[in-house]
Amino acid sequence: MKVRELNESCKSCPFYRAGCRIYQAVFKLGMYVIPWGMPQTIEGPGCIRKLPDLIRSRGFDNVLIVTDEALHTKLRLLDPFLAEMNRLNLRYTVYDKVQPNPTDVNVREGVEIFRKEGCQAIVAFGGGSPMDCAKGIGACHVKNKSAEKLQGLFKVLHRIPTIFAVPTTAGTGSETTVAAVITDSQTHHKASINDVSIMPKYAILDPELTAGLPGSITATTGMDALCHAVEAYTNHTYNSRLEQKLCRDAVRLIHDNLLAAYADGKNLKARMAMQKAAFYAGRAFTRGCVGNVHALGHTLGGLYGTPHGLAMSVILPHVMRQYGAKAYRRLAELADVCGIGGATQEQKAKAFICWIEQTNAKMNIPAHLDVIRDEDVPQIIRWAKKEANPLYPTPAVWSTADYRRCIASIRGAGKEETT
């Protein structure tokens, strides 16, 4: 047997799976001494106009605003906020070069501007990409290291500049997470900086900022939030009662409001509910972790530039279905939260997965992804396994063969994978 084949065989054996579970059990013990916390929130239509007063009240008069060009110069969503900053004579510098999958280059440029302009705090304005970039900027500034060297667990451990997070989508939950996913511009590999010190201090939840989102963005970011809640809830080991409640609340809010927000972008009640759902789900997976949906989805974002929300939307039902009986009880509980019926746990769980697929279909999200190339499958599996195992306490610890089957399902029936 070749060395590579032997290694893969070992990683699919019971001892490897037991090792992952032992790692997770030990890691859980450390959860009790970690100061998780939660950002303070300002909520409601138009509350973005209150942010400059909050910034000033915290003793800051010079901030770096991290966003993307579309929000800044095309949609001009920052205009009300910037007008109020100008009225209060607060200084700011806008960095709007963040890419859809923020890179180490974005982070490095942001650090240089933060230092050059003498900024004191950071406003992260946008979806998950500007927020992850802002967290990366803060971490790299205080540690004086590259993003690559800080990726992993608890490599920051220093207070970073205060981050005020302003989500303009309802999905990533990055305004309340301890992770910053950064893409290596050379290898296109995505990896996370994970540290409680990079969680934003404040989250501004203004549904007016999401009212003009295209339906496709509303759909995929909303399903991204659902993915966070479902993965965190079906995981085991790390969750406390708080995370379990936050997951259930998030799933209920998404079930009741996502299609309404998709159908009518001006429905501020539905928009506000979706922002709360994203916030709850983000805080839940901060401790409860995500799973193989994200492990696989991150590889597609890195290799092909697949939007994160789209990847999550498509992959979620495939992964949950492959978990099978190991996820039935938890999925059945989520079905109960949504009023989805069934006589047994299995029936409820499968009905819940069907609801996910039906919701995707109603929002024109495809059932499969055709971007995956045969020659990339081994790399996708290696990256996904490295991300998921042993950290993520998923319902099942997957082997190479498990990942290969799931990838085949994601690509569509009849697709065969090559080694």
Protein backbone atom coordinates (compact mmCIF):
# COMPACT_ATOMS: atom_id res chain seq x y z
CA MET A 1 0.00 0.00 0.00
CA LYS A 2 1.32 3.47 -0.90
CA VAL A 3 2.14 5.89 1.92
CA ARG A 4 -0.63 8.29 0.88
CA GLU A 5 -3.16 5.45 0.73
CA LEU A 6 -2.02 4.25 4.17
CA ASN A 7 -2.45 7.72 5.63
CA GLU A 8 -5.95 8.04 4.19
CA SER A 9 -6.82 4.58 5.49
CA CYS A 10 -5.69 5.55 8.99
CA LYS A 11 -7.78 8.72 8.83
CA SER A 12 -10.92 6.71 8.13
CA CYS A 13 -10.38 4.19 10.92
CA PRO A 14 -12.18 4.18 14.30
CA PHE A 15 -9.01 5.27 16.09
CA TYR A 16 -8.83 8.47 14.06
CA ARG A 17 -12.48 9.25 14.75
CA ALA A 18 -12.03 8.49 18.43
CA GLY A 19 -9.03 10.81 18.48
CA CYS A 20 -11.14 13.63 17.04
CA ARG A 21 -13.79 13.10 19.71
CA ILE A 22 -11.19 13.07 22.48
CA TYR A 23 -9.73 16.33 21.14
CA GLN A 24 -13.22 17.88 21.14
CA ALA A 25 -13.95 16.69 24.68
CA VAL A 26 -10.71 18.25 25.94
CA PHE A 27 -11.34 21.43 23.97
CA LYS A 28 -14.77 21.72 25.56
CA LEU A 29 -13.18 22.00 28.98
CA GLY A 30 -11.41 25.14 27.84
CA MET A 31 -14.72 26.61 26.71
CA TYR A 32 -15.66 27.30 30.31
CA VAL A 33 -12.77 29.71 30.90
CA ILE A 34 -13.08 31.60 27.59
CA PRO A 35 -14.75 35.04 27.99
CA TRP A 36 -17.22 34.67 25.12
CA GLY A 37 -19.23 37.83 25.62
CA MET A 38 -21.48 39.38 23.00
CA PRO A 39 -21.38 42.74 21.20
CA GLN A 40 -23.58 45.54 22.44
CA THR A 41 -26.26 46.32 19.87
CA ILE A 42 -28.06 49.36 18.53
CA GLU A 43 -31.18 48.22 16.70
CA GLY A 44 -33.93 49.67 14.55
CA PRO A 45 -34.58 51.55 11.29
CA GLY A 46 -32.22 54.48 10.82
CA CYS A 47 -30.02 53.64 13.81
CA ILE A 48 -26.88 54.00 11.66
CA ARG A 49 -27.21 57.74 12.25
CA LYS A 50 -26.59 57.14 15.96
CA LEU A 51 -23.21 55.51 15.38
CA PRO A 52 -21.12 58.72 15.20
CA ASP A 53 -22.42 59.76 18.62
CA LEU A 54 -21.48 56.34 19.96
CA ILE A 55 -18.00 56.63 18.46
CA ARG A 56 -17.48 60.03 20.05
CA SER A 57 -18.86 58.88 23.40
CA ARG A 58 -16.20 56.15 23.48
CA GLY A 59 -13.44 58.73 23.11
CA PHE A 60 -12.59 58.20 19.43
CA ASP A 61 -12.31 60.99 16.88
CA ASN A 62 -10.42 59.26 14.05
CA VAL A 63 -11.58 55.94 12.60
CA LEU A 64 -10.81 53.65 9.67
CA ILE A 65 -13.93 52.63 7.75
CA VAL A 66 -13.52 49.25 6.06
CA THR A 67 -16.00 48.54 3.28
CA ASP A 68 -16.22 47.69 -0.40
CA GLU A 69 -16.42 49.94 -3.43
CA ALA A 70 -19.99 49.03 -4.40
CA LEU A 71 -21.40 50.04 -1.02
CA HIS A 72 -19.34 53.20 -0.93
CA THR A 73 -19.48 54.70 -4.43
CA LYS A 74 -22.33 52.91 -6.21
CA LEU A 75 -25.03 52.17 -3.65
CA ARG A 76 -23.80 55.02 -1.41
CA LEU A 77 -25.06 53.29 1.70
CA LEU A 78 -22.45 55.06 3.81
CA ASP A 79 -23.70 58.56 2.95
CA PRO A 80 -26.03 59.10 5.97
CA PHE A 81 -23.33 57.83 8.32
CA LEU A 82 -20.58 59.93 6.74
CA ALA A 83 -22.78 63.04 6.77
CA GLU A 84 -23.27 62.66 10.51
CA MET A 85 -19.54 62.03 11.00
CA ASN A 86 -18.85 65.29 9.16
CA ARG A 87 -21.43 67.17 11.21
CA LEU A 88 -19.70 66.09 14.42
CA ASN A 89 -16.25 66.90 12.98
CA LEU A 90 -15.08 63.32 13.44
CA ARG A 91 -12.20 62.25 11.23
CA TYR A 92 -12.29 59.12 9.11
CA THR A 93 -10.52 57.34 6.29
CA VAL A 94 -12.40 54.99 3.99
CA TYR A 95 -10.72 51.81 2.75
CA ASP A 96 -13.09 50.40 0.12
CA LYS A 97 -10.92 47.87 -1.72
CA VAL A 98 -12.14 44.78 0.14
CA GLN A 99 -12.77 41.86 -2.23
CA PRO A 100 -15.72 39.45 -1.93
CA ASN A 101 -13.33 36.95 -0.35
CA PRO A 102 -10.97 39.28 1.57
CA THR A 103 -7.30 38.57 1.00
CA ASP A 104 -4.08 38.98 2.91
CA VAL A 105 -3.36 41.90 0.57
CA ASN A 106 -6.56 43.67 1.70
CA VAL A 107 -5.56 43.18 5.32
CA ARG A 108 -2.03 44.44 4.75
CA GLU A 109 -3.27 47.55 2.92
CA GLY A 110 -5.75 48.24 5.71
CA VAL A 111 -3.06 48.00 8.39
CA GLU A 112 -0.86 50.44 6.48
CA ILE A 113 -3.69 52.98 6.20
CA PHE A 114 -4.71 52.55 9.86
CA ARG A 115 -1.18 53.36 10.98
CA LYS A 116 -0.47 56.10 8.45
CA GLU A 117 -3.66 58.01 9.29
CA GLY A 118 -3.33 57.54 13.05
CA CYS A 119 -6.72 55.84 13.37
CA GLN A 120 -7.99 54.80 16.79
CA ALA A 121 -10.86 52.44 15.97
CA ILE A 122 -12.43 50.60 13.04
CA VAL A 123 -15.90 50.71 11.52
CA ALA A 124 -16.62 47.53 9.54
CA PHE A 125 -19.39 48.41 7.08
CA GLY A 126 -20.84 45.73 4.83
CA GLY A 127 -21.25 41.99 4.70
CA GLY A 128 -18.94 39.35 6.06
CA SER A 129 -16.04 40.34 3.82
CA PRO A 130 -15.47 43.88 5.18
CA MET A 131 -16.02 42.60 8.72
CA ASP A 132 -13.53 39.76 8.37
CA CYS A 133 -11.07 42.16 6.77
CA ALA A 134 -11.55 44.64 9.63
CA LYS A 135 -10.90 41.93 12.21
CA GLY A 136 -7.79 40.88 10.30
CA ILE A 137 -6.57 44.48 10.20
CA GLY A 138 -7.03 44.85 13.95
CA ALA A 139 -5.29 41.57 14.69
CA CYS A 140 -2.34 42.16 12.37
CA HIS A 141 -1.94 45.73 13.67
CA VAL A 142 -1.55 44.73 17.32
CA LYS A 143 0.54 41.61 16.65
CA ASN A 144 2.61 43.13 13.84
CA LYS A 145 2.36 39.85 11.95
CA SER A 146 0.86 38.74 8.64
CA ALA A 147 -2.64 37.30 8.43
CA GLU A 148 -1.17 33.92 7.51
CA LYS A 149 0.79 33.73 10.77
CA LEU A 150 -2.31 34.50 12.84
CA GLN A 151 -4.60 31.94 11.22
CA GLY A 152 -5.59 29.17 13.59
CA LEU A 153 -6.73 29.19 17.21
CA PHE A 154 -5.91 31.88 19.78
CA LYS A 155 -2.85 33.40 18.12
CA VAL A 156 -3.85 37.01 18.80
CA LEU A 157 -4.60 37.15 22.55
CA HIS A 158 -4.27 40.94 22.59
CA ARG A 159 -6.90 43.64 22.69
CA ILE A 160 -7.35 44.98 19.17
CA PRO A 161 -8.71 48.41 18.21
CA THR A 162 -12.43 48.66 18.94
CA ILE A 163 -14.57 47.48 16.03
CA PHE A 164 -18.02 48.90 15.35
CA ALA A 165 -19.71 46.38 13.03
CA VAL A 166 -22.44 47.54 10.64
CA PRO A 167 -23.93 44.59 8.70
CA THR A 168 -25.56 45.46 5.39
CA THR A 169 -26.68 41.88 4.82
CA ALA A 170 -28.49 39.48 7.11
CA GLY A 171 -26.43 36.35 6.93
CA THR A 172 -22.80 36.13 7.93
CA GLY A 173 -23.25 37.03 11.58
CA SER A 174 -19.66 38.24 11.45
CA GLU A 175 -20.67 41.18 13.63
CA THR A 176 -20.71 38.78 16.59
CA THR A 177 -18.16 36.09 15.76
CA VAL A 178 -14.56 35.44 16.77
CA ALA A 179 -13.48 34.38 13.29
CA ALA A 180 -12.00 36.24 10.34
CA VAL A 181 -11.72 34.21 7.13
CA ILE A 182 -8.85 35.48 4.98
CA THR A 183 -7.80 34.15 1.56
CA ASP A 184 -4.15 33.74 0.64
CA SER A 185 -3.75 35.75 -2.58
CA GLN A 186 -1.11 33.33 -3.89
CA THR A 187 -2.54 29.90 -3.09
CA HIS A 188 -6.24 30.94 -2.91
CA HIS A 189 -6.55 28.93 0.30
CA LYS A 190 -9.05 30.33 2.82
CA ALA A 191 -8.33 29.99 6.53
CA SER A 192 -9.57 31.63 9.70
CA ILE A 193 -8.08 33.77 12.42
CA ASN A 194 -9.99 32.54 15.48
CA ASP A 195 -9.67 34.50 18.71
CA VAL A 196 -12.15 36.00 21.17
CA SER A 197 -10.19 39.25 21.11
CA ILE A 198 -11.30 40.02 17.53
CA MET A 199 -15.04 39.96 18.27
CA PRO A 200 -16.55 43.41 17.51
CA LYS A 201 -17.52 45.45 20.57
CA TYR A 202 -20.64 46.95 18.97
CA ALA A 203 -23.12 45.81 16.33
CA ILE A 204 -25.45 48.27 14.60
CA LEU A 205 -28.51 46.42 13.26
CA ASP A 206 -30.29 48.81 10.90
CA PRO A 207 -32.78 47.08 8.58
CA GLU A 208 -32.84 50.09 6.27
CA LEU A 209 -29.31 49.19 5.17
CA THR A 210 -30.54 45.84 3.84
CA ALA A 211 -33.73 47.14 2.20
CA GLY A 212 -32.11 47.70 -1.19
CA LEU A 213 -30.38 44.32 -1.44
CA PRO A 214 -31.01 42.35 -4.62
CA GLY A 215 -33.22 39.31 -4.09
CA SER A 216 -30.36 36.95 -4.83
CA ILE A 217 -28.23 38.45 -2.03
CA THR A 218 -31.16 38.42 0.39
CA ALA A 219 -31.66 34.76 -0.44
CA THR A 220 -28.10 33.48 -0.14
CA THR A 221 -27.15 35.52 2.91
CA GLY A 222 -30.33 34.44 4.65
CA MET A 223 -29.53 30.81 3.94
CA ASP A 224 -26.00 31.42 5.18
CA ALA A 225 -27.50 32.46 8.53
CA LEU A 226 -29.64 29.32 8.49
CA CYS A 227 -26.54 27.24 7.84
CA HIS A 228 -24.80 28.76 10.86
CA ALA A 229 -27.73 27.93 13.12
CA VAL A 230 -28.29 24.42 11.74
CA GLU A 231 -24.63 23.43 11.85
CA ALA A 232 -24.13 24.80 15.35
CA TYR A 233 -27.28 23.03 16.57
CA THR A 234 -26.55 19.65 14.99
CA ASN A 235 -23.01 19.74 16.36
CA HIS A 236 -22.49 18.43 19.86
CA THR A 237 -20.04 18.93 22.74
CA TYR A 238 -19.37 22.69 22.70
CA ASN A 239 -22.82 24.28 23.00
CA SER A 240 -24.23 25.68 26.19
CA ARG A 241 -27.95 26.24 26.70
CA LEU A 242 -27.50 29.77 25.40
CA GLU A 243 -26.18 28.61 22.02
CA GLN A 244 -28.94 26.02 21.70
CA LYS A 245 -31.60 28.68 22.35
CA LEU A 246 -29.97 31.13 19.95
CA CYS A 247 -29.95 28.46 17.23
CA ARG A 248 -33.63 27.66 17.72
CA ASP A 249 -34.58 31.33 17.75
CA ALA A 250 -32.56 32.01 14.61
CA VAL A 251 -34.09 29.08 12.71
CA ARG A 252 -37.62 30.15 13.69
CA LEU A 253 -37.01 33.74 12.59
CA ILE A 254 -35.58 32.60 9.25
CA HIS A 255 -38.41 30.15 8.66
CA ASP A 256 -40.98 32.89 9.32
CA ASN A 257 -39.31 35.85 7.59
CA LEU A 258 -36.79 34.98 4.88
CA LEU A 259 -39.27 34.49 2.03
CA ALA A 260 -41.10 37.67 3.08
CA ALA A 261 -37.85 39.66 2.97
CA TYR A 262 -37.00 38.07 -0.38
CA ALA A 263 -40.40 38.92 -1.87
CA ASP A 264 -40.49 42.50 -0.56
CA GLY A 265 -37.18 44.18 0.12
CA LYS A 266 -38.91 47.13 1.77
CA ASN A 267 -40.52 44.94 4.43
CA LEU A 268 -38.54 46.37 7.35
CA LYS A 269 -40.19 44.07 9.88
CA ALA A 270 -38.96 41.00 8.00
CA ARG A 271 -35.60 42.64 7.40
CA MET A 272 -35.16 43.39 11.11
CA ALA A 273 -36.11 39.82 11.99
CA MET A 274 -33.50 38.51 9.55
CA GLN A 275 -30.81 40.74 11.01
CA LYS A 276 -31.60 39.41 14.47
CA ALA A 277 -31.53 35.85 13.13
CA ALA A 278 -28.10 36.41 11.59
CA PHE A 279 -26.86 37.95 14.86
CA TYR A 280 -28.18 35.04 16.96
CA ALA A 281 -26.81 32.41 14.58
CA GLY A 282 -23.44 34.14 14.43
CA ARG A 283 -23.13 34.18 18.20
CA ALA A 284 -24.27 30.55 18.38
CA PHE A 285 -21.65 29.17 16.02
CA THR A 286 -18.98 31.31 17.65
CA ARG A 287 -18.96 28.74 20.44
CA GLY A 288 -20.82 25.83 18.85
CA CYS A 289 -18.74 25.87 15.63
CA VAL A 290 -19.80 25.18 12.09
CA GLY A 291 -19.13 21.94 10.26
CA ASN A 292 -18.62 20.25 6.94
CA VAL A 293 -20.87 22.66 5.05
CA HIS A 294 -18.41 25.42 5.81
CA ALA A 295 -15.36 23.21 5.45
CA LEU A 296 -16.40 22.37 1.90
CA GLY A 297 -17.80 25.81 1.09
CA HIS A 298 -14.62 27.62 2.04
CA THR A 299 -12.67 25.58 -0.50
CA LEU A 300 -15.04 26.62 -3.30
CA GLY A 301 -14.71 30.26 -2.36
CA GLY A 302 -10.95 30.00 -2.40
CA LEU A 303 -10.60 27.97 -5.60
CA TYR A 304 -13.39 29.40 -7.73
CA GLY A 305 -14.53 32.61 -6.05
CA THR A 306 -17.94 31.07 -5.34
CA PRO A 307 -19.86 33.53 -3.14
CA HIS A 308 -19.94 32.22 0.40
CA GLY A 309 -23.70 32.47 0.83
CA LEU A 310 -24.36 30.63 -2.42
CA ALA A 311 -22.01 27.82 -1.45
CA MET A 312 -23.67 27.48 1.97
CA SER A 313 -27.17 27.49 0.47
CA VAL A 314 -26.43 24.71 -1.97
CA ILE A 315 -24.22 22.53 0.23
CA LEU A 316 -26.33 22.60 3.41
CA PRO A 317 -29.02 20.03 2.48
CA HIS A 318 -26.47 17.68 0.90
CA VAL A 319 -24.37 17.55 4.05
CA MET A 320 -27.35 17.19 6.40
CA ARG A 321 -28.77 14.37 4.32
CA GLN A 322 -25.45 12.53 4.31
CA TYR A 323 -25.19 12.73 8.11
CA GLY A 324 -28.28 10.56 8.15
CA ALA A 325 -29.48 9.16 11.48
CA LYS A 326 -26.68 10.89 13.41
CA ALA A 327 -28.42 14.23 12.84
CA TYR A 328 -32.09 13.15 12.96
CA ARG A 329 -32.80 14.09 16.57
CA ARG A 330 -31.43 17.60 16.32
CA LEU A 331 -32.99 18.27 12.92
CA ALA A 332 -36.31 16.98 14.23
CA GLU A 333 -36.12 19.50 17.08
CA LEU A 334 -35.59 22.29 14.57
CA ALA A 335 -38.54 21.00 12.58
CA ASP A 336 -40.65 21.28 15.73
CA VAL A 337 -39.54 24.90 16.17
CA CYS A 338 -40.77 25.65 12.66
CA GLY A 339 -43.99 23.67 12.91
CA ILE A 340 -42.84 21.13 10.33
CA GLY A 341 -44.63 17.88 11.04
CA GLY A 342 -43.74 14.21 11.01
CA ALA A 343 -44.55 11.06 12.98
CA THR A 344 -40.94 10.16 13.82
CA GLN A 345 -37.63 11.93 14.26
CA GLU A 346 -36.51 10.63 10.90
CA GLN A 347 -39.60 11.93 9.15
CA LYS A 348 -39.30 15.34 10.79
CA ALA A 349 -35.59 15.56 9.99
CA LYS A 350 -36.12 14.67 6.35
CA ALA A 351 -39.04 17.10 6.13
CA PHE A 352 -36.81 19.84 7.53
CA ILE A 353 -34.17 19.12 4.87
CA CYS A 354 -36.90 19.19 2.22
CA TRP A 355 -38.02 22.59 3.55
CA ILE A 356 -34.46 23.88 3.05
CA GLU A 357 -34.45 22.62 -0.54
CA GLN A 358 -37.91 24.03 -1.23
CA THR A 359 -36.93 27.42 0.19
CA ASN A 360 -33.84 27.44 -2.02
CA ALA A 361 -35.96 26.62 -5.06
CA LYS A 362 -38.46 29.41 -4.29
CA MET A 363 -35.56 31.86 -4.26
CA ASN A 364 -33.99 30.50 -7.45
CA ILE A 365 -30.97 29.02 -5.69
CA PRO A 366 -29.67 26.01 -7.65
CA ALA A 367 -29.71 22.52 -6.18
CA HIS A 368 -26.17 21.76 -7.39
CA LEU A 369 -22.89 23.49 -8.21
CA ASP A 370 -21.10 22.74 -11.47
CA VAL A 371 -17.88 24.70 -10.84
CA ILE A 372 -16.02 21.81 -9.21
CA ARG A 373 -13.36 20.35 -11.50
CA ASP A 374 -12.37 16.70 -11.28
CA GLU A 375 -8.70 17.54 -10.82
CA ASP A 376 -9.49 19.77 -7.84
CA VAL A 377 -11.44 17.19 -5.83
CA PRO A 378 -8.41 15.78 -3.95
CA GLN A 379 -7.36 19.32 -2.96
CA ILE A 380 -10.90 20.19 -1.86
CA ILE A 381 -10.99 17.10 0.35
CA ARG A 382 -7.59 17.81 1.89
CA TRP A 383 -8.51 21.39 2.72
CA ALA A 384 -11.94 20.46 4.03
CA LYS A 385 -10.59 17.68 6.26
CA LYS A 386 -7.86 19.95 7.60
CA GLU A 387 -10.45 22.58 8.53
CA ALA A 388 -13.07 20.25 9.99
CA ASN A 389 -11.04 17.60 11.80
CA PRO A 390 -10.49 17.47 14.70
CA LEU A 391 -11.91 20.88 15.67
CA TYR A 392 -15.53 20.79 14.47
CA PRO A 393 -17.76 18.56 16.64
CA THR A 394 -19.86 17.43 13.67
CA PRO A 395 -22.50 14.68 13.97
CA ALA A 396 -20.12 12.35 12.13
CA VAL A 397 -16.34 12.52 11.60
CA TRP A 398 -15.94 12.13 7.86
CA SER A 399 -13.33 10.14 5.99
CA THR A 400 -12.03 10.88 2.50
CA ALA A 401 -14.72 8.60 1.08
CA ASP A 402 -17.44 10.52 2.93
CA TYR A 403 -16.24 13.82 1.50
CA ARG A 404 -16.02 12.31 -1.96
CA ARG A 405 -19.63 11.10 -1.80
CA CYS A 406 -20.85 14.47 -0.62
CA ILE A 407 -18.96 16.30 -3.36
CA ALA A 408 -20.54 13.99 -5.92
CA SER A 409 -23.96 14.87 -4.52
CA ILE A 410 -23.20 18.60 -4.59
CA ARG A 411 -22.12 18.35 -8.23
CA GLY A 412 -25.27 16.47 -9.19
CA ALA A 413 -26.38 12.89 -9.78
CA GLY A 414 -24.27 10.87 -12.14
CA LYS A 415 -21.05 12.83 -11.61
CA GLU A 416 -18.09 10.58 -10.88
CA GLU A 417 -15.03 11.74 -8.99
CA THR A 418 -11.47 10.87 -9.99
CA THR A 419 -8.59 10.32 -7.57
